[in-house]
C-alpha cells in the first residue's frame, strides 16, 4: 500500500509557486530521497542515477528554497523512486555521495 503526502509552504507568492508544494509517493516498491545541498547548488538541478548498471540513465530535480519552522532550507526532492542505491552527481562529470533509498521511507542526505 502506498500513500502520497503533499508538503506545502503557505505564504509563498506566485514567484515561488513551483517550489511551494512537493508530493511524496512512498510505500510498497517506492521510496523518496531529499537532498539538502549547500548554497552553491541554489537554482540548479541535481542529478542522480542508480548504481546497479544504469549509471548512464540519470534523473534530475530542481533545488529550491523551502520554508520550515526552523527557517528556510535548500532542498532537492526526488519524491518517488524504486528502492536501491543511487549516485548523486555534483555536476555533469563529478560523482558525489551514494544514497540508499528504502521501500516506504524517505532518505535524507546533505550535499556540500
C-alpha atoms as a PDB file:
ATOM      1  CA  UNK A   1       0.000   0.000   0.000  1.00  0.00           C
ATOM      2  CA  UNK A   2       1.439   3.347  -0.948  1.00  0.00           C
ATOM      3  CA  UNK A   3       0.492   6.798   0.181  1.00  0.00           C
ATOM      4  CA  UNK A   4       1.014  10.278  -1.141  1.00  0.00           C
ATOM      5  CA  UNK A   5       1.922  13.196   1.081  1.00  0.00           C
ATOM      6  CA  UNK A   6       1.917  16.772  -0.055  1.00  0.00           C
ATOM      7  CA  UNK A   7       4.226  19.187   1.706  1.00  0.00           C
ATOM      8  CA  UNK A   8       3.069  22.725   1.176  1.00  0.00           C
ATOM      9  CA  UNK A   9       4.529  26.070   2.037  1.00  0.00           C
ATOM     10  CA  UNK A  10       1.756  28.522   2.875  1.00  0.00           C
ATOM     11  CA  UNK A  11       2.534  32.165   2.293  1.00  0.00           C
ATOM     12  CA  UNK A  12       4.764  31.706  -0.724  1.00  0.00           C
ATOM     13  CA  UNK A  13       3.891  34.092  -3.521  1.00  0.00           C
ATOM     14  CA  UNK A  14       3.307  33.273  -7.180  1.00  0.00           C
ATOM     15  CA  UNK A  15       7.026  33.713  -7.899  1.00  0.00           C
ATOM     16  CA  UNK A  16       7.743  30.623  -5.792  1.00  0.00           C
ATOM     17  CA  UNK A  17       4.692  28.581  -6.753  1.00  0.00           C
ATOM     18  CA  UNK A  18       6.735  25.862  -8.477  1.00  0.00           C
ATOM     19  CA  UNK A  19       8.693  25.272  -5.268  1.00  0.00           C
ATOM     20  CA  UNK A  20       5.828  25.614  -2.817  1.00  0.00           C
ATOM     21  CA  UNK A  21       4.479  22.091  -2.937  1.00  0.00           C
ATOM     22  CA  UNK A  22       6.115  18.672  -3.103  1.00  0.00           C
ATOM     23  CA  UNK A  23       4.366  15.319  -3.396  1.00  0.00           C
ATOM     24  CA  UNK A  24       5.998  12.215  -1.940  1.00  0.00           C
ATOM     25  CA  UNK A  25       4.767   8.846  -3.169  1.00  0.00           C
ATOM     26  CA  UNK A  26       6.265   6.241  -0.844  1.00  0.00           C
ATOM     27  CA  UNK A  27       5.019   2.789   0.078  1.00  0.00           C
ATOM     28  CA  UNK A  28       5.225  -0.676  -1.434  1.00  0.00           C
ATOM     29  CA  UNK A  29       8.016  -0.598  -4.003  1.00  0.00           C
ATOM     30  CA  UNK A  30       8.639   3.166  -3.667  1.00  0.00           C
ATOM     31  CA  UNK A  31      10.805   5.446  -1.537  1.00  0.00           C
ATOM     32  CA  UNK A  32      11.913   9.077  -1.676  1.00  0.00           C
ATOM     33  CA  UNK A  33      15.203  10.977  -1.473  1.00  0.00           C
ATOM     34  CA  UNK A  34      15.503  14.501  -0.065  1.00  0.00           C
ATOM     35  CA  UNK A  35      18.847  16.206  -0.578  1.00  0.00           C
ATOM     36  CA  UNK A  36      19.852  19.280   1.431  1.00  0.00           C
ATOM     37  CA  UNK A  37      22.506  20.925  -0.764  1.00  0.00           C
ATOM     38  CA  UNK A  38      24.882  23.741   0.089  1.00  0.00           C
ATOM     39  CA  UNK A  39      24.342  27.243  -1.243  1.00  0.00           C
ATOM     40  CA  UNK A  40      26.402  26.602  -4.388  1.00  0.00           C
ATOM     41  CA  UNK A  41      23.552  24.430  -5.724  1.00  0.00           C
ATOM     42  CA  UNK A  42      20.888  27.150  -5.386  1.00  0.00           C
ATOM     43  CA  UNK A  43      18.685  27.419  -8.512  1.00  0.00           C
ATOM     44  CA  UNK A  44      20.453  24.468 -10.152  1.00  0.00           C
ATOM     45  CA  UNK A  45      19.341  20.924 -10.828  1.00  0.00           C
ATOM     46  CA  UNK A  46      20.760  17.867  -9.110  1.00  0.00           C
ATOM     47  CA  UNK A  47      21.012  14.568 -10.951  1.00  0.00           C
ATOM     48  CA  UNK A  48      21.005  11.040  -9.565  1.00  0.00           C
ATOM     49  CA  UNK A  49      21.456   7.636 -11.158  1.00  0.00           C
ATOM     50  CA  UNK A  50      21.108   4.052  -9.959  1.00  0.00           C
ATOM     51  CA  UNK A  51      24.400   2.249  -9.367  1.00  0.00           C
ATOM     52  CA  UNK A  52      23.196  -1.182 -10.454  1.00  0.00           C
ATOM     53  CA  UNK A  53      24.196  -0.904 -14.090  1.00  0.00           C
ATOM     54  CA  UNK A  54      22.019   2.080 -15.005  1.00  0.00           C
ATOM     55  CA  UNK A  55      24.540   4.845 -14.271  1.00  0.00           C
ATOM     56  CA  UNK A  56      24.035   6.432 -17.691  1.00  0.00           C
ATOM     57  CA  UNK A  57      20.320   6.949 -17.073  1.00  0.00           C
ATOM     58  CA  UNK A  58      20.019   9.970 -14.814  1.00  0.00           C
ATOM     59  CA  UNK A  59      17.022  11.805 -13.425  1.00  0.00           C
ATOM     60  CA  UNK A  60      17.089  15.353 -12.131  1.00  0.00           C
ATOM     61  CA  UNK A  61      15.144  17.736  -9.950  1.00  0.00           C
ATOM     62  CA  UNK A  62      15.496  21.401  -9.091  1.00  0.00           C
ATOM     63  CA  UNK A  63      16.989  22.873  -5.939  1.00  0.00           C
ATOM     64  CA  UNK A  64      14.557  25.226  -4.237  1.00  0.00           C
ATOM     65  CA  UNK A  65      14.423  27.164  -1.015  1.00  0.00           C
ATOM     66  CA  UNK A  66      11.616  25.923   1.201  1.00  0.00           C
ATOM     67  CA  UNK A  67      10.353  27.389   4.460  1.00  0.00           C
ATOM     68  CA  UNK A  68      10.456  25.291   7.630  1.00  0.00           C
ATOM     69  CA  UNK A  69       9.650  26.161  11.249  1.00  0.00           C
ATOM     70  CA  UNK A  70      13.424  26.489  11.833  1.00  0.00           C
ATOM     71  CA  UNK A  71      13.908  28.797   8.822  1.00  0.00           C
ATOM     72  CA  UNK A  72      14.372  28.433   5.075  1.00  0.00           C
ATOM     73  CA  UNK A  73      16.374  25.475   3.739  1.00  0.00           C
ATOM     74  CA  UNK A  74      17.516  24.475   0.269  1.00  0.00           C
ATOM     75  CA  UNK A  75      16.248  21.090  -0.857  1.00  0.00           C
ATOM     76  CA  UNK A  76      16.030  18.848  -3.894  1.00  0.00           C
ATOM     77  CA  UNK A  77      13.245  16.274  -3.656  1.00  0.00           C
ATOM     78  CA  UNK A  78      13.030  13.010  -5.593  1.00  0.00           C
ATOM     79  CA  UNK A  79       9.502  12.143  -4.492  1.00  0.00           C
ATOM     80  CA  UNK A  80       9.096   8.588  -5.787  1.00  0.00           C
ATOM     81  CA  UNK A  81      11.984   6.216  -6.537  1.00  0.00           C
ATOM     82  CA  UNK A  82      12.442   2.484  -6.754  1.00  0.00           C
ATOM     83  CA  UNK A  83      14.349   1.186  -3.726  1.00  0.00           C
ATOM     84  CA  UNK A  84      18.083   0.856  -4.348  1.00  0.00           C
ATOM     85  CA  UNK A  85      21.454   2.558  -4.298  1.00  0.00           C
ATOM     86  CA  UNK A  86      21.725   5.916  -6.060  1.00  0.00           C
ATOM     87  CA  UNK A  87      24.710   8.056  -7.037  1.00  0.00           C
ATOM     88  CA  UNK A  88      24.284  11.799  -6.561  1.00  0.00           C
ATOM     89  CA  UNK A  89      26.105  13.824  -9.231  1.00  0.00           C
ATOM     90  CA  UNK A  90      27.784  17.061  -8.141  1.00  0.00           C
ATOM     91  CA  UNK A  91      27.955  18.192 -11.747  1.00  0.00           C
ATOM     92  CA  UNK A  92      27.869  16.584 -15.184  1.00  0.00           C
ATOM     93  CA  UNK A  93      31.096  14.606 -14.626  1.00  0.00           C
ATOM     94  CA  UNK A  94      31.748  14.629 -10.864  1.00  0.00           C
ATOM     95  CA  UNK A  95      30.438  11.778  -8.747  1.00  0.00           C
ATOM     96  CA  UNK A  96      29.030  12.696  -5.374  1.00  0.00           C
ATOM     97  CA  UNK A  97      27.892  10.563  -2.461  1.00  0.00           C
ATOM     98  CA  UNK A  98      25.790   7.418  -2.560  1.00  0.00           C
ATOM     99  CA  UNK A  99      22.307   7.293  -1.078  1.00  0.00           C
ATOM    100  CA  UNK A 100      20.320   4.186  -0.228  1.00  0.00           C
ATOM    101  CA  UNK A 101      16.588   4.551  -0.867  1.00  0.00           C
ATOM    102  CA  UNK A 102      14.475   2.038   1.028  1.00  0.00           C
ATOM    103  CA  UNK A 103      10.911   0.978   0.391  1.00  0.00           C
ATOM    104  CA  UNK A 104       8.251   3.014   2.182  1.00  0.00           C
ATOM    105  CA  UNK A 105      10.697   5.547   3.619  1.00  0.00           C
ATOM    106  CA  UNK A 106      12.360   8.901   2.973  1.00  0.00           C
ATOM    107  CA  UNK A 107      16.167   9.068   2.810  1.00  0.00           C
ATOM    108  CA  UNK A 108      17.755  12.428   3.673  1.00  0.00           C
ATOM    109  CA  UNK A 109      21.236  13.474   2.553  1.00  0.00           C
ATOM    110  CA  UNK A 110      23.371  16.607   2.985  1.00  0.00           C
ATOM    111  CA  UNK A 111      25.376  17.642  -0.097  1.00  0.00           C
ATOM    112  CA  UNK A 112      28.230  20.132   0.228  1.00  0.00           C
END
